[in-house]
């Protein structure tokens, strides 16, 4: 049995300006590699929920680094706090027999 990788993509979003860039890894040329190398990645290690976790932000250029870096300083919002907490029991109606 043989296999061939047909498509593999990487998508990055700049935390500074919101630019979204996507690269195709299969058959990538030198220009794409150079473009990927120009992005900046900042990693911060924080102690959260009793263990160390890494927070990572990416910036497309040097000018976007300050705005991206600010996101590392903001407190982490728990996933359940980001969603609306709806009490489904209060929305249910009684069945009429």
Protein backbone atom coordinates (compact mmCIF):
# COMPACT_ATOMS: atom_id res chain seq x y z
CA UNK A 1 0.00 0.00 0.00
CA UNK A 2 1.33 3.45 -0.84
CA UNK A 3 0.25 6.82 0.35
CA UNK A 4 0.76 10.34 -0.84
CA UNK A 5 0.15 13.52 1.12
CA UNK A 6 -1.97 15.72 -1.10
CA UNK A 7 -2.69 18.67 1.13
CA UNK A 8 -1.51 20.00 4.45
CA UNK A 9 -2.15 23.61 5.39
CA UNK A 10 -1.08 25.96 8.15
CA UNK A 11 -3.14 29.00 8.99
CA UNK A 12 -1.82 31.80 11.20
CA UNK A 13 -3.69 34.80 12.55
CA UNK A 14 -1.81 37.90 13.62
CA UNK A 15 -2.82 38.85 17.17
CA UNK A 16 -1.84 42.45 16.44
CA UNK A 17 -3.72 43.39 13.28
CA UNK A 18 -5.91 40.33 12.63
CA UNK A 19 -4.28 39.36 9.32
CA UNK A 20 -4.94 35.72 8.42
CA UNK A 21 -2.38 33.90 6.28
CA UNK A 22 -2.54 30.33 5.00
CA UNK A 23 0.28 28.25 3.55
CA UNK A 24 0.18 24.94 1.68
CA UNK A 25 2.97 22.76 3.04
CA UNK A 26 3.02 20.19 0.26
CA UNK A 27 5.22 21.48 -2.56
CA UNK A 28 6.06 24.67 -0.66
CA UNK A 29 8.56 26.94 -2.37
CA UNK A 30 11.33 29.09 -0.96
CA UNK A 31 9.16 32.22 -1.03
CA UNK A 32 6.58 30.63 1.28
CA UNK A 33 9.28 29.45 3.70
CA UNK A 34 10.77 32.94 3.81
CA UNK A 35 7.34 34.45 4.42
CA UNK A 36 6.65 32.01 7.29
CA UNK A 37 10.01 32.82 8.87
CA UNK A 38 9.12 36.51 9.03
CA UNK A 39 6.32 35.89 11.56
CA UNK A 40 7.02 36.30 15.29
CA UNK A 41 5.84 33.90 17.98
CA UNK A 42 5.79 34.88 21.64
CA UNK A 43 5.28 32.19 24.26
CA UNK A 44 4.55 32.87 27.91
CA UNK A 45 4.39 30.19 30.57
CA UNK A 46 1.77 30.78 33.29
CA UNK A 47 0.64 28.84 36.34
CA UNK A 48 -3.11 28.23 35.93
CA UNK A 49 -5.41 25.64 37.50
CA UNK A 50 -2.54 24.07 39.44
CA UNK A 51 -0.22 23.51 36.50
CA UNK A 52 2.00 25.38 34.08
CA UNK A 53 0.44 26.19 30.72
CA UNK A 54 1.84 27.95 27.69
CA UNK A 55 0.09 30.88 26.06
CA UNK A 56 1.21 31.67 22.53
CA UNK A 57 0.54 34.67 20.31
CA UNK A 58 1.74 35.33 16.78
CA UNK A 59 2.49 38.58 14.98
CA UNK A 60 2.96 39.07 11.24
CA UNK A 61 5.52 41.88 11.59
CA UNK A 62 7.59 43.77 14.11
CA UNK A 63 5.00 46.55 14.27
CA UNK A 64 2.32 44.12 15.49
CA UNK A 65 4.42 42.72 18.37
CA UNK A 66 3.32 45.26 21.01
CA UNK A 67 -0.39 44.65 20.36
CA UNK A 68 0.13 40.88 20.33
CA UNK A 69 2.23 41.04 23.49
CA UNK A 70 -0.56 42.84 25.36
CA UNK A 71 -2.75 39.77 24.87
CA UNK A 72 -0.22 37.77 26.90
CA UNK A 73 -0.69 40.09 29.87
CA UNK A 74 -4.49 39.89 29.89
CA UNK A 75 -6.00 37.40 32.34
CA UNK A 76 -7.12 34.14 30.83
CA UNK A 77 -10.90 33.82 30.60
CA UNK A 78 -12.22 30.37 31.33
CA UNK A 79 -13.98 28.72 28.41
CA UNK A 80 -17.24 28.34 30.33
CA UNK A 81 -17.25 32.08 31.07
CA UNK A 82 -17.05 32.90 27.37
CA UNK A 83 -20.26 31.09 26.53
CA UNK A 84 -23.72 32.18 27.60
CA UNK A 85 -24.88 30.30 30.64
CA UNK A 86 -28.49 29.49 29.84
CA UNK A 87 -30.63 27.65 32.35
CA UNK A 88 -32.40 25.19 30.06
CA UNK A 89 -34.73 23.98 32.83
CA UNK A 90 -36.18 27.48 33.17
CA UNK A 91 -36.95 27.52 29.44
CA UNK A 92 -38.82 24.22 29.37
CA UNK A 93 -42.59 24.42 29.50
CA UNK A 94 -44.80 21.95 31.28
CA UNK A 95 -46.60 19.39 29.18
CA UNK A 96 -50.30 19.82 28.96
CA UNK A 97 -52.07 16.48 29.38
